[in-house]
PDB file of N, CA and C in Angstrom:
ATOM      1  N   MET A   1     131.674 172.153 101.567  1.00  0.00           N
ATOM      2  CA  MET A   1     131.111 171.696 100.073  1.00  0.00           C
ATOM      3  C   MET A   1     131.133 170.019 100.298  1.00  0.00           C
ATOM      4  N   VAL A   2     129.866 170.066  99.712  1.00  0.00           N
ATOM      5  CA  VAL A   2     129.241 168.447  99.864  1.00  0.00           C
ATOM      6  C   VAL A   2     129.548 167.757  98.442  1.00  0.00           C
ATOM      7  N   TYR A   3     130.229 166.606  98.051  1.00  0.00           N
ATOM      8  CA  TYR A   3     130.382 165.790  96.720  1.00  0.00           C
ATOM      9  C   TYR A   3     128.632 165.053  96.752  1.00  0.00           C
ATOM     10  N   GLU A   4     128.094 165.584  95.789  1.00  0.00           N
ATOM     11  CA  GLU A   4     126.816 165.144  94.805  1.00  0.00           C
ATOM     12  C   GLU A   4     127.207 164.449  93.578  1.00  0.00           C
ATOM     13  N   PRO A   5     127.176 163.099  93.458  1.00  0.00           N
ATOM     14  CA  PRO A   5     127.411 162.707  92.217  1.00  0.00           C
ATOM     15  C   PRO A   5     126.083 162.950  91.331  1.00  0.00           C
ATOM     16  N   ASP A   6     126.504 162.897  90.119  1.00  0.00           N
ATOM     17  CA  ASP A   6     125.809 163.052  89.027  1.00  0.00           C
ATOM     18  C   ASP A   6     125.006 161.463  88.480  1.00  0.00           C
ATOM     19  N   LEU A   7     124.094 161.353  88.799  1.00  0.00           N
ATOM     20  CA  LEU A   7     123.126 160.291  88.910  1.00  0.00           C
ATOM     21  C   LEU A   7     122.408 160.453  87.518  1.00  0.00           C
ATOM     22  N   PRO A   8     122.369 159.014  86.899  1.00  0.00           N
ATOM     23  CA  PRO A   8     121.433 158.833  85.702  1.00  0.00           C
ATOM     24  C   PRO A   8     120.047 159.508  85.850  1.00  0.00           C
ATOM     25  N   PRO A   9     119.768 159.798  84.329  1.00  0.00           N
ATOM     26  CA  PRO A   9     118.363 160.489  84.767  1.00  0.00           C
ATOM     27  C   PRO A   9     117.108 159.124  84.990  1.00  0.00           C
ATOM     28  N   ALA A  10     115.973 159.608  85.200  1.00  0.00           N
ATOM     29  CA  ALA A  10     115.066 158.611  85.575  1.00  0.00           C
ATOM     30  C   ALA A  10     114.604 158.090  84.054  1.00  0.00           C
ATOM     31  N   PRO A  11     113.910 157.047  83.794  1.00  0.00           N
ATOM     32  CA  PRO A  11     113.271 156.719  82.473  1.00  0.00           C
ATOM     33  C   PRO A  11     112.028 157.332  82.376  1.00  0.00           C
ATOM     34  N   PRO A  12     111.610 157.417  81.029  1.00  0.00           N
ATOM     35  CA  PRO A  12     110.320 157.784  81.143  1.00  0.00           C
ATOM     36  C   PRO A  12     109.012 157.182  81.707  1.00  0.00           C
ATOM     37  N   SER A  13     108.406 157.916  82.284  1.00  0.00           N
ATOM     38  CA  SER A  13     107.402 157.081  83.353  1.00  0.00           C
ATOM     39  C   SER A  13     106.154 156.828  82.228  1.00  0.00           C
ATOM     40  N   THR A  14     105.682 157.132  81.239  1.00  0.00           N
ATOM     41  CA  THR A  14     105.201 156.599  80.262  1.00  0.00           C
ATOM     42  C   THR A  14     105.411 156.670  78.659  1.00  0.00           C
ATOM     43  N   VAL A  15     105.013 155.127  78.401  1.00  0.00           N
ATOM     44  CA  VAL A  15     105.202 154.927  76.960  1.00  0.00           C
ATOM     45  C   VAL A  15     103.961 154.478  76.451  1.00  0.00           C
ATOM     46  N   LEU A  16     103.743 154.710  75.246  1.00  0.00           N
ATOM     47  CA  LEU A  16     102.413 154.205  74.503  1.00  0.00           C
ATOM     48  C   LEU A  16     102.838 153.729  73.025  1.00  0.00           C
ATOM     49  N   ALA A  17     102.214 152.752  72.770  1.00  0.00           N
ATOM     50  CA  ALA A  17     102.627 152.189  71.306  1.00  0.00           C
ATOM     51  C   ALA A  17     101.398 151.811  70.668  1.00  0.00           C
ATOM     52  N   ALA A  18     101.055 152.253  69.372  1.00  0.00           N
ATOM     53  CA  ALA A  18     100.173 151.953  68.477  1.00  0.00           C
ATOM     54  C   ALA A  18     100.661 151.620  67.008  1.00  0.00           C
ATOM     55  N   PRO A  19      99.786 150.127  66.755  1.00  0.00           N
ATOM     56  CA  PRO A  19     100.042 149.943  65.820  1.00  0.00           C
ATOM     57  C   PRO A  19      99.709 150.322  64.352  1.00  0.00           C
ATOM     58  N   GLY A  20     100.473 150.339  63.065  1.00  0.00           N
ATOM     59  CA  GLY A  20     100.003 150.964  61.796  1.00  0.00           C
ATOM     60  C   GLY A  20     100.424 149.874  60.960  1.00  0.00           C
ATOM     61  N   ASN A  21     100.510 149.846  59.562  1.00  0.00           N
ATOM     62  CA  ASN A  21     100.744 148.935  58.433  1.00  0.00           C
ATOM     63  C   ASN A  21     102.426 148.997  58.316  1.00  0.00           C
ATOM     64  N   GLY A  22     102.751 148.028  59.026  1.00  0.00           N
ATOM     65  CA  GLY A  22     104.411 147.828  58.686  1.00  0.00           C
ATOM     66  C   GLY A  22     104.903 148.747  60.097  1.00  0.00           C
ATOM     67  N   SER A  23     104.243 149.116  60.983  1.00  0.00           N
ATOM     68  CA  SER A  23     104.912 150.229  61.671  1.00  0.00           C
ATOM     69  C   SER A  23     104.364 150.270  63.126  1.00  0.00           C
ATOM     70  N   VAL A  24     105.140 150.930  64.188  1.00  0.00           N
ATOM     71  CA  VAL A  24     104.510 151.309  65.685  1.00  0.00           C
ATOM     72  C   VAL A  24     104.947 152.611  65.513  1.00  0.00           C
ATOM     73  N   ARG A  25     103.826 153.476  65.808  1.00  0.00           N
ATOM     74  CA  ARG A  25     104.376 154.708  66.659  1.00  0.00           C
ATOM     75  C   ARG A  25     104.158 154.745  68.056  1.00  0.00           C
ATOM     76  N   LEU A  26     105.129 155.147  68.631  1.00  0.00           N
ATOM     77  CA  LEU A  26     105.853 155.185  70.066  1.00  0.00           C
ATOM     78  C   LEU A  26     105.596 156.743  70.358  1.00  0.00           C
ATOM     79  N   ALA A  27     105.268 157.049  71.470  1.00  0.00           N
ATOM     80  CA  ALA A  27     105.270 158.349  71.999  1.00  0.00           C
ATOM     81  C   ALA A  27     105.382 158.102  73.649  1.00  0.00           C
ATOM     82  N   TRP A  28     106.551 158.915  74.241  1.00  0.00           N
ATOM     83  CA  TRP A  28     106.697 158.600  76.138  1.00  0.00           C
ATOM     84  C   TRP A  28     106.806 159.995  76.213  1.00  0.00           C
ATOM     85  N   SER A  29     106.582 160.171  77.805  1.00  0.00           N
ATOM     86  CA  SER A  29     106.608 161.145  78.460  1.00  0.00           C
ATOM     87  C   SER A  29     108.255 161.563  78.644  1.00  0.00           C
ATOM     88  N   PRO A  30     108.271 163.302  78.446  1.00  0.00           N
ATOM     89  CA  PRO A  30     109.539 163.673  78.591  1.00  0.00           C
ATOM     90  C   PRO A  30     110.115 163.497  79.973  1.00  0.00           C
ATOM     91  N   VAL A  31     111.556 163.290  79.999  1.00  0.00           N
ATOM     92  CA  VAL A  31     111.853 163.360  81.664  1.00  0.00           C
ATOM     93  C   VAL A  31     112.337 164.593  81.830  1.00  0.00           C
ATOM     94  N   ARG A  32     111.935 165.075  83.048  1.00  0.00           N
ATOM     95  CA  ARG A  32     112.128 166.587  83.269  1.00  0.00           C
ATOM     96  C   ARG A  32     112.961 166.829  84.476  1.00  0.00           C
ATOM     97  N   GLU A  33     114.203 166.598  83.838  1.00  0.00           N
ATOM     98  CA  GLU A  33     115.565 166.676  84.273  1.00  0.00           C
ATOM     99  C   GLU A  33     116.483 167.630  83.634  1.00  0.00           C
ATOM    100  N   GLU A  34     116.842 168.460  83.907  1.00  0.00           N
ATOM    101  CA  GLU A  34     117.670 169.729  83.278  1.00  0.00           C
ATOM    102  C   GLU A  34     118.623 169.322  82.515  1.00  0.00           C
ATOM    103  N   ASP A  35     119.334 168.171  82.767  1.00  0.00           N
ATOM    104  CA  ASP A  35     120.515 167.766  81.822  1.00  0.00           C
ATOM    105  C   ASP A  35     120.289 166.516  80.883  1.00  0.00           C
ATOM    106  N   VAL A  36     118.922 166.192  80.636  1.00  0.00           N
ATOM    107  CA  VAL A  36     118.707 165.280  79.671  1.00  0.00           C
ATOM    108  C   VAL A  36     118.701 165.537  78.306  1.00  0.00           C
ATOM    109  N   ARG A  37     119.387 164.838  77.572  1.00  0.00           N
ATOM    110  CA  ARG A  37     119.698 165.304  76.109  1.00  0.00           C
ATOM    111  C   ARG A  37     119.034 164.675  75.297  1.00  0.00           C
ATOM    112  N   GLY A  38     118.436 163.418  75.413  1.00  0.00           N
ATOM    113  CA  GLY A  38     117.996 162.188  74.393  1.00  0.00           C
ATOM    114  C   GLY A  38     117.440 161.274  75.159  1.00  0.00           C
ATOM    115  N   TYR A  39     116.917 160.474  74.137  1.00  0.00           N
ATOM    116  CA  TYR A  39     116.243 159.254  74.228  1.00  0.00           C
ATOM    117  C   TYR A  39     116.810 158.183  73.564  1.00  0.00           C
ATOM    118  N   LEU A  40     116.659 156.939  73.779  1.00  0.00           N
ATOM    119  CA  LEU A  40     117.142 155.598  73.148  1.00  0.00           C
ATOM    120  C   LEU A  40     115.674 154.827  72.980  1.00  0.00           C
ATOM    121  N   VAL A  41     115.464 154.361  71.517  1.00  0.00           N
ATOM    122  CA  VAL A  41     114.513 153.345  71.712  1.00  0.00           C
ATOM    123  C   VAL A  41     114.724 151.995  71.508  1.00  0.00           C
ATOM    124  N   TYR A  42     114.305 150.962  72.303  1.00  0.00           N
ATOM    125  CA  TYR A  42     114.910 149.851  72.444  1.00  0.00           C
ATOM    126  C   TYR A  42     113.956 148.995  71.758  1.00  0.00           C
ATOM    127  N   TYR A  43     114.326 148.062  70.744  1.00  0.00           N
ATOM    128  CA  TYR A  43     112.905 147.172  70.266  1.00  0.00           C
ATOM    129  C   TYR A  43     113.250 145.657  70.297  1.00  0.00           C
ATOM    130  N   GLY A  44     112.780 144.706  69.975  1.00  0.00           N
ATOM    131  CA  GLY A  44     112.956 143.238  69.739  1.00  0.00           C
ATOM    132  C   GLY A  44     111.427 142.564  69.603  1.00  0.00           C
ATOM    133  N   ASN A  45     111.867 141.336  69.447  1.00  0.00           N
ATOM    134  CA  ASN A  45     110.569 140.391  69.228  1.00  0.00           C
ATOM    135  C   ASN A  45     110.374 139.448  70.609  1.00  0.00           C
ATOM    136  N   SER A  46     110.756 139.697  71.583  1.00  0.00           N
ATOM    137  CA  SER A  46     110.648 139.053  72.576  1.00  0.00           C
ATOM    138  C   SER A  46     110.669 140.107  74.195  1.00  0.00           C
ATOM    139  N   PRO A  47     110.111 139.746  75.281  1.00  0.00           N
ATOM    140  CA  PRO A  47     109.831 140.359  76.075  1.00  0.00           C
ATOM    141  C   PRO A  47     111.606 140.714  76.449  1.00  0.00           C
ATOM    142  N   GLY A  48     112.119 142.072  77.172  1.00  0.00           N
ATOM    143  CA  GLY A  48     112.949 141.885  77.509  1.00  0.00           C
ATOM    144  C   GLY A  48     114.125 141.847  76.739  1.00  0.00           C
ATOM    145  N   ASN A  49     114.347 141.614  75.289  1.00  0.00           N
ATOM    146  CA  ASN A  49     114.856 141.238  74.573  1.00  0.00           C
ATOM    147  C   ASN A  49     115.099 142.215  73.231  1.00  0.00           C
ATOM    148  N   TYR A  50     116.080 143.238  73.556  1.00  0.00           N
ATOM    149  CA  TYR A  50     115.820 144.368  72.691  1.00  0.00           C
ATOM    150  C   TYR A  50     116.812 144.289  71.332  1.00  0.00           C
ATOM    151  N   HIS A  51     116.916 143.219  70.838  1.00  0.00           N
ATOM    152  CA  HIS A  51     117.998 143.292  69.624  1.00  0.00           C
ATOM    153  C   HIS A  51     117.402 143.621  68.465  1.00  0.00           C
ATOM    154  N   GLY A  52     116.431 144.299  68.228  1.00  0.00           N
ATOM    155  CA  GLY A  52     115.505 144.186  66.912  1.00  0.00           C
ATOM    156  C   GLY A  52     116.680 144.788  65.659  1.00  0.00           C
ATOM    157  N   THR A  53     116.173 144.238  64.543  1.00  0.00           N
ATOM    158  CA  THR A  53     116.814 144.867  63.365  1.00  0.00           C
ATOM    159  C   THR A  53     115.628 144.857  62.226  1.00  0.00           C
ATOM    160  N   GLY A  54     115.905 145.330  61.139  1.00  0.00           N
ATOM    161  CA  GLY A  54     115.336 145.462  60.067  1.00  0.00           C
ATOM    162  C   GLY A  54     114.030 146.395  59.938  1.00  0.00           C
ATOM    163  N   SER A  55     114.039 147.582  60.928  1.00  0.00           N
ATOM    164  CA  SER A  55     113.204 148.594  60.608  1.00  0.00           C
ATOM    165  C   SER A  55     113.901 149.807  59.850  1.00  0.00           C
ATOM    166  N   ASP A  56     113.124 150.699  59.395  1.00  0.00           N
ATOM    167  CA  ASP A  56     113.516 151.716  58.623  1.00  0.00           C
ATOM    168  C   ASP A  56     114.501 152.807  59.321  1.00  0.00           C
ATOM    169  N   ARG A  57     114.598 152.784  60.851  1.00  0.00           N
ATOM    170  CA  ARG A  57     115.350 153.547  61.419  1.00  0.00           C
ATOM    171  C   ARG A  57     116.842 152.546  61.784  1.00  0.00           C
ATOM    172  N   GLY A  58     116.950 151.457  61.624  1.00  0.00           N
ATOM    173  CA  GLY A  58     118.080 150.605  61.871  1.00  0.00           C
ATOM    174  C   GLY A  58     117.905 149.916  62.862  1.00  0.00           C
ATOM    175  N   PRO A  59     119.003 149.339  63.289  1.00  0.00           N
ATOM    176  CA  PRO A  59     118.758 148.192  64.640  1.00  0.00           C
ATOM    177  C   PRO A  59     118.180 148.913  65.802  1.00  0.00           C
ATOM    178  N   SER A  60     118.250 148.107  66.816  1.00  0.00           N
ATOM    179  CA  SER A  60     117.828 148.449  68.052  1.00  0.00           C
ATOM    180  C   SER A  60     119.295 148.645  68.725  1.00  0.00           C
ATOM    181  N   PRO A  61     119.703 150.092  69.793  1.00  0.00           N
ATOM    182  CA  PRO A  61     118.713 150.985  70.185  1.00  0.00           C
ATOM    183  C   PRO A  61     118.460 152.074  68.970  1.00  0.00           C
ATOM    184  N   ILE A  62     118.006 153.046  68.966  1.00  0.00           N
ATOM    185  CA  ILE A  62     117.592 153.685  68.102  1.00  0.00           C
ATOM    186  C   ILE A  62     117.917 155.144  68.605  1.00  0.00           C
ATOM    187  N   ASP A  63     118.892 156.120  68.536  1.00  0.00           N
ATOM    188  CA  ASP A  63     118.848 157.345  69.275  1.00  0.00           C
ATOM    189  C   ASP A  63     118.235 158.242  68.611  1.00  0.00           C
ATOM    190  N   VAL A  64     117.158 159.020  69.260  1.00  0.00           N
ATOM    191  CA  VAL A  64     115.902 160.206  68.363  1.00  0.00           C
ATOM    192  C   VAL A  64     116.050 161.097  69.291  1.00  0.00           C
ATOM    193  N   GLY A  65     117.525 161.444  69.866  1.00  0.00           N
ATOM    194  CA  GLY A  65     117.893 162.803  70.334  1.00  0.00           C
ATOM    195  C   GLY A  65     116.780 163.176  71.322  1.00  0.00           C
ATOM    196  N   PRO A  66     116.355 164.692  71.143  1.00  0.00           N
ATOM    197  CA  PRO A  66     115.500 165.038  72.377  1.00  0.00           C
ATOM    198  C   PRO A  66     113.758 164.697  71.803  1.00  0.00           C
ATOM    199  N   LEU A  67     113.630 164.075  70.895  1.00  0.00           N
ATOM    200  CA  LEU A  67     112.247 163.809  70.260  1.00  0.00           C
ATOM    201  C   LEU A  67     111.398 163.052  71.322  1.00  0.00           C
ATOM    202  N   THR A  68     110.607 163.255  71.557  1.00  0.00           N
ATOM    203  CA  THR A  68     109.864 162.226  72.444  1.00  0.00           C
ATOM    204  C   THR A  68     108.436 161.066  71.684  1.00  0.00           C
ATOM    205  N   GLU A  69     108.625 160.913  70.475  1.00  0.00           N
ATOM    206  CA  GLU A  69     108.010 160.471  69.736  1.00  0.00           C
ATOM    207  C   GLU A  69     108.503 159.654  68.279  1.00  0.00           C
ATOM    208  N   LEU A  70     108.251 158.494  68.303  1.00  0.00           N
ATOM    209  CA  LEU A  70     109.162 157.935  66.839  1.00  0.00           C
ATOM    210  C   LEU A  70     107.904 156.918  66.209  1.00  0.00           C
ATOM    211  N   ASN A  71     107.942 157.036  64.896  1.00  0.00           N
ATOM    212  CA  ASN A  71     107.234 156.248  64.108  1.00  0.00           C
ATOM    213  C   ASN A  71     108.220 155.407  63.458  1.00  0.00           C
ATOM    214  N   LEU A  72     108.506 153.998  63.708  1.00  0.00           N
ATOM    215  CA  LEU A  72     109.050 153.074  63.388  1.00  0.00           C
ATOM    216  C   LEU A  72     108.657 152.253  62.379  1.00  0.00           C
ATOM    217  N   GLY A  73     108.976 152.603  61.400  1.00  0.00           N
ATOM    218  CA  GLY A  73     108.549 151.636  59.854  1.00  0.00           C
ATOM    219  C   GLY A  73     109.268 150.402  59.513  1.00  0.00           C
ATOM    220  N   GLY A  74     109.176 149.976  58.509  1.00  0.00           N
ATOM    221  CA  GLY A  74     109.902 148.341  58.266  1.00  0.00           C
ATOM    222  C   GLY A  74     109.613 147.656  59.069  1.00  0.00           C
ATOM    223  N   LEU A  75     108.478 147.365  59.821  1.00  0.00           N
ATOM    224  CA  LEU A  75     108.343 146.291  60.817  1.00  0.00           C
ATOM    225  C   LEU A  75     107.291 145.335  60.001  1.00  0.00           C
ATOM    226  N   ASN A  76     107.494 144.094  60.429  1.00  0.00           N
ATOM    227  CA  ASN A  76     106.768 142.928  59.532  1.00  0.00           C
ATOM    228  C   ASN A  76     105.295 142.840  60.426  1.00  0.00           C
ATOM    229  N   ASN A  77     104.367 142.828  59.336  1.00  0.00           N
ATOM    230  CA  ASN A  77     102.860 142.742  60.032  1.00  0.00           C
ATOM    231  C   ASN A  77     102.712 141.643  60.598  1.00  0.00           C
ATOM    232  N   GLY A  78     102.122 141.622  61.718  1.00  0.00           N
ATOM    233  CA  GLY A  78     101.401 139.974  62.259  1.00  0.00           C
ATOM    234  C   GLY A  78     102.480 139.869  63.469  1.00  0.00           C
ATOM    235  N   TRP A  79     103.854 140.214  63.326  1.00  0.00           N
ATOM    236  CA  TRP A  79     104.926 140.009  64.402  1.00  0.00           C
ATOM    237  C   TRP A  79     104.619 140.798  65.676  1.00  0.00           C
ATOM    238  N   LEU A  80     104.820 140.693  66.866  1.00  0.00           N
ATOM    239  CA  LEU A  80     104.520 141.177  68.092  1.00  0.00           C
ATOM    240  C   LEU A  80     106.217 141.665  68.439  1.00  0.00           C
ATOM    241  N   TYR A  81     105.812 143.197  68.521  1.00  0.00           N
ATOM    242  CA  TYR A  81     107.270 143.850  68.961  1.00  0.00           C
ATOM    243  C   TYR A  81     107.163 144.388  70.192  1.00  0.00           C
ATOM    244  N   TYR A  82     108.402 144.640  70.951  1.00  0.00           N
ATOM    245  CA  TYR A  82     108.262 144.753  72.315  1.00  0.00           C
ATOM    246  C   TYR A  82     109.234 146.074  72.309  1.00  0.00           C
ATOM    247  N   PHE A  83     109.047 147.224  72.920  1.00  0.00           N
ATOM    248  CA  PHE A  83     109.662 148.220  73.381  1.00  0.00           C
ATOM    249  C   PHE A  83     109.847 148.892  74.630  1.00  0.00           C
ATOM    250  N   ALA A  84     110.992 149.861  74.603  1.00  0.00           N
ATOM    251  CA  ALA A  84     111.463 150.259  75.892  1.00  0.00           C
ATOM    252  C   ALA A  84     111.901 151.765  75.737  1.00  0.00           C
ATOM    253  N   VAL A  85     112.015 152.330  76.319  1.00  0.00           N
ATOM    254  CA  VAL A  85     112.961 153.754  76.141  1.00  0.00           C
ATOM    255  C   VAL A  85     114.059 153.988  77.422  1.00  0.00           C
ATOM    256  N   VAL A  86     115.150 154.571  76.844  1.00  0.00           N
ATOM    257  CA  VAL A  86     116.079 155.030  77.869  1.00  0.00           C
ATOM    258  C   VAL A  86     116.347 156.441  77.752  1.00  0.00           C
ATOM    259  N   ALA A  87     116.391 157.154  78.867  1.00  0.00           N
ATOM    260  CA  ALA A  87     116.868 158.610  78.794  1.00  0.00           C
ATOM    261  C   ALA A  87     118.639 158.658  78.986  1.00  0.00           C
ATOM    262  N   TYR A  88     119.179 159.842  78.411  1.00  0.00           N
ATOM    263  CA  TYR A  88     120.334 159.812  78.392  1.00  0.00           C
ATOM    264  C   TYR A  88     120.797 161.569  78.839  1.00  0.00           C
ATOM    265  N   ASP A  89     122.012 161.687  79.538  1.00  0.00           N
ATOM    266  CA  ASP A  89     122.119 163.028  79.931  1.00  0.00           C
ATOM    267  C   ASP A  89     123.266 163.285  79.460  1.00  0.00           C
ATOM    268  N   ASP A  90     123.533 164.908  79.432  1.00  0.00           N
ATOM    269  CA  ASP A  90     124.770 165.386  78.877  1.00  0.00           C
ATOM    270  C   ASP A  90     126.308 165.105  79.337  1.00  0.00           C
ATOM    271  N   THR A  91     126.544 164.251  80.048  1.00  0.00           N
ATOM    272  CA  THR A  91     128.078 163.636  80.401  1.00  0.00           C
ATOM    273  C   THR A  91     128.439 163.029  79.440  1.00  0.00           C
ATOM    274  N   ASP A  92     129.976 163.055  79.599  1.00  0.00           N
ATOM    275  CA  ASP A  92     130.621 162.246  78.401  1.00  0.00           C
ATOM    276  C   ASP A  92     131.464 161.381  79.230  1.00  0.00           C
ATOM    277  N   PRO A  93     131.011 159.873  78.938  1.00  0.00           N
ATOM    278  CA  PRO A  93     130.007 159.623  78.117  1.00  0.00           C
ATOM    279  C   PRO A  93     128.577 159.757  79.071  1.00  0.00           C
ATOM    280  N   PRO A  94     127.789 159.668  78.191  1.00  0.00           N
ATOM    281  CA  PRO A  94     126.171 159.838  78.942  1.00  0.00           C
ATOM    282  C   PRO A  94     126.024 158.891  79.589  1.00  0.00           C
ATOM    283  N   HIS A  95     125.305 159.128  81.057  1.00  0.00           N
ATOM    284  CA  HIS A  95     124.652 158.434  81.960  1.00  0.00           C
ATOM    285  C   HIS A  95     123.568 157.843  80.995  1.00  0.00           C
ATOM    286  N   ARG A  96     122.956 156.681  81.256  1.00  0.00           N
ATOM    287  CA  ARG A  96     121.545 156.319  80.681  1.00  0.00           C
ATOM    288  C   ARG A  96     120.831 155.615  82.044  1.00  0.00           C
ATOM    289  N   SER A  97     119.552 155.973  81.846  1.00  0.00           N
ATOM    290  CA  SER A  97     118.748 155.528  82.907  1.00  0.00           C
ATOM    291  C   SER A  97     118.340 154.092  82.729  1.00  0.00           C
ATOM    292  N   GLY A  98     117.469 153.399  83.632  1.00  0.00           N
ATOM    293  CA  GLY A  98     117.142 152.077  83.518  1.00  0.00           C
ATOM    294  C   GLY A  98     115.888 152.349  82.296  1.00  0.00           C
ATOM    295  N   PHE A  99     115.312 151.090  82.083  1.00  0.00           N
ATOM    296  CA  PHE A  99     114.167 150.842  80.567  1.00  0.00           C
ATOM    297  C   PHE A  99     112.951 151.506  81.494  1.00  0.00           C
ATOM    298  N   SER A 100     112.295 152.119  80.399  1.00  0.00           N
ATOM    299  CA  SER A 100     110.974 152.704  80.803  1.00  0.00           C
ATOM    300  C   SER A 100     110.245 151.125  81.111  1.00  0.00           C
ATOM    301  N   ARG A 101     108.642 151.511  81.351  1.00  0.00           N
ATOM    302  CA  ARG A 101     108.215 150.243  81.288  1.00  0.00           C
ATOM    303  C   ARG A 101     107.997 149.609  79.764  1.00  0.00           C
ATOM    304  N   GLU A 102     108.094 148.306  79.794  1.00  0.00           N
ATOM    305  CA  GLU A 102     107.834 147.518  78.376  1.00  0.00           C
ATOM    306  C   GLU A 102     106.551 148.116  77.945  1.00  0.00           C
ATOM    307  N   VAL A 103     106.375 148.064  76.566  1.00  0.00           N
ATOM    308  CA  VAL A 103     105.053 147.897  75.898  1.00  0.00           C
ATOM    309  C   VAL A 103     105.176 147.197  74.416  1.00  0.00           C
ATOM    310  N   SER A 104     104.115 146.562  74.199  1.00  0.00           N
ATOM    311  CA  SER A 104     104.148 145.756  72.850  1.00  0.00           C
ATOM    312  C   SER A 104     103.109 146.436  71.715  1.00  0.00           C
ATOM    313  N   ALA A 105     103.561 145.822  70.917  1.00  0.00           N
ATOM    314  CA  ALA A 105     102.396 146.445  69.335  1.00  0.00           C
ATOM    315  C   ALA A 105     102.618 145.650  68.436  1.00  0.00           C
ATOM    316  N   ARG A 106     101.453 145.111  67.844  1.00  0.00           N
ATOM    317  CA  ARG A 106     101.339 143.937  66.522  1.00  0.00           C
ATOM    318  C   ARG A 106     101.217 144.912  65.331  1.00  0.00           C
ATOM    319  N   PRO A 107     102.341 145.230  64.305  1.00  0.00           N
ATOM    320  CA  PRO A 107     101.652 145.690  63.041  1.00  0.00           C
ATOM    321  C   PRO A 107     100.754 145.002  62.418  1.00  0.00           C
ATOM    322  N   SER A 108      99.892 145.913  61.871  1.00  0.00           N
ATOM    323  CA  SER A 108      98.910 144.847  60.998  1.00  0.00           C
ATOM    324  C   SER A 108      98.507 145.731  59.385  1.00  0.00           C
ATOM    325  N   GLY A 109      98.739 145.295  58.469  1.00  0.00           N
ATOM    326  CA  GLY A 109      97.833 145.358  57.540  1.00  0.00           C
ATOM    327  C   GLY A 109      96.345 145.990  57.142  1.00  0.00           C
ATOM    328  N   ALA A 110      95.902 145.327  58.182  1.00  0.00           N
ATOM    329  CA  ALA A 110      94.352 145.375  58.083  1.00  0.00           C
ATOM    330  C   ALA A 110      94.032 146.506  58.613  1.00  0.00           C
ATOM    331  N   LEU A 111      94.519 147.277  59.278  1.00  0.00           N
ATOM    332  CA  LEU A 111      94.312 148.515  60.216  1.00  0.00           C
ATOM    333  C   LEU A 111      93.947 149.587  58.937  1.00  0.00           C
ATOM    334  N   PRO A 112      93.030 150.559  59.474  1.00  0.00           N
ATOM    335  CA  PRO A 112      92.806 151.538  58.433  1.00  0.00           C
ATOM    336  C   PRO A 112      93.708 152.639  58.531  1.00  0.00           C
TER     337      PRO A 112
END
């Protein structure tokens, strides 16, 4: 028998961000690994700095469980926000993937 360590899952390969009025809708590709149990959404106001606060879902990171999309409200129109998603598995404590590719969006009240 050969010991094989349980490695962290891969991060989502695709993340999309669409701005709205005081919100950003995020969607990402699911990680196709058997033991993936959920995702953490990180957000903030500068690249690579995911210490965001003030959204209607609470401070960063936001645990969305097995969902692969999130509408994050309570954001300031005109501010540029940066986002990344991390997958986690079912170990105790969970292994976390690295960050997905970073995406950004600027909520605007002028959008239809």
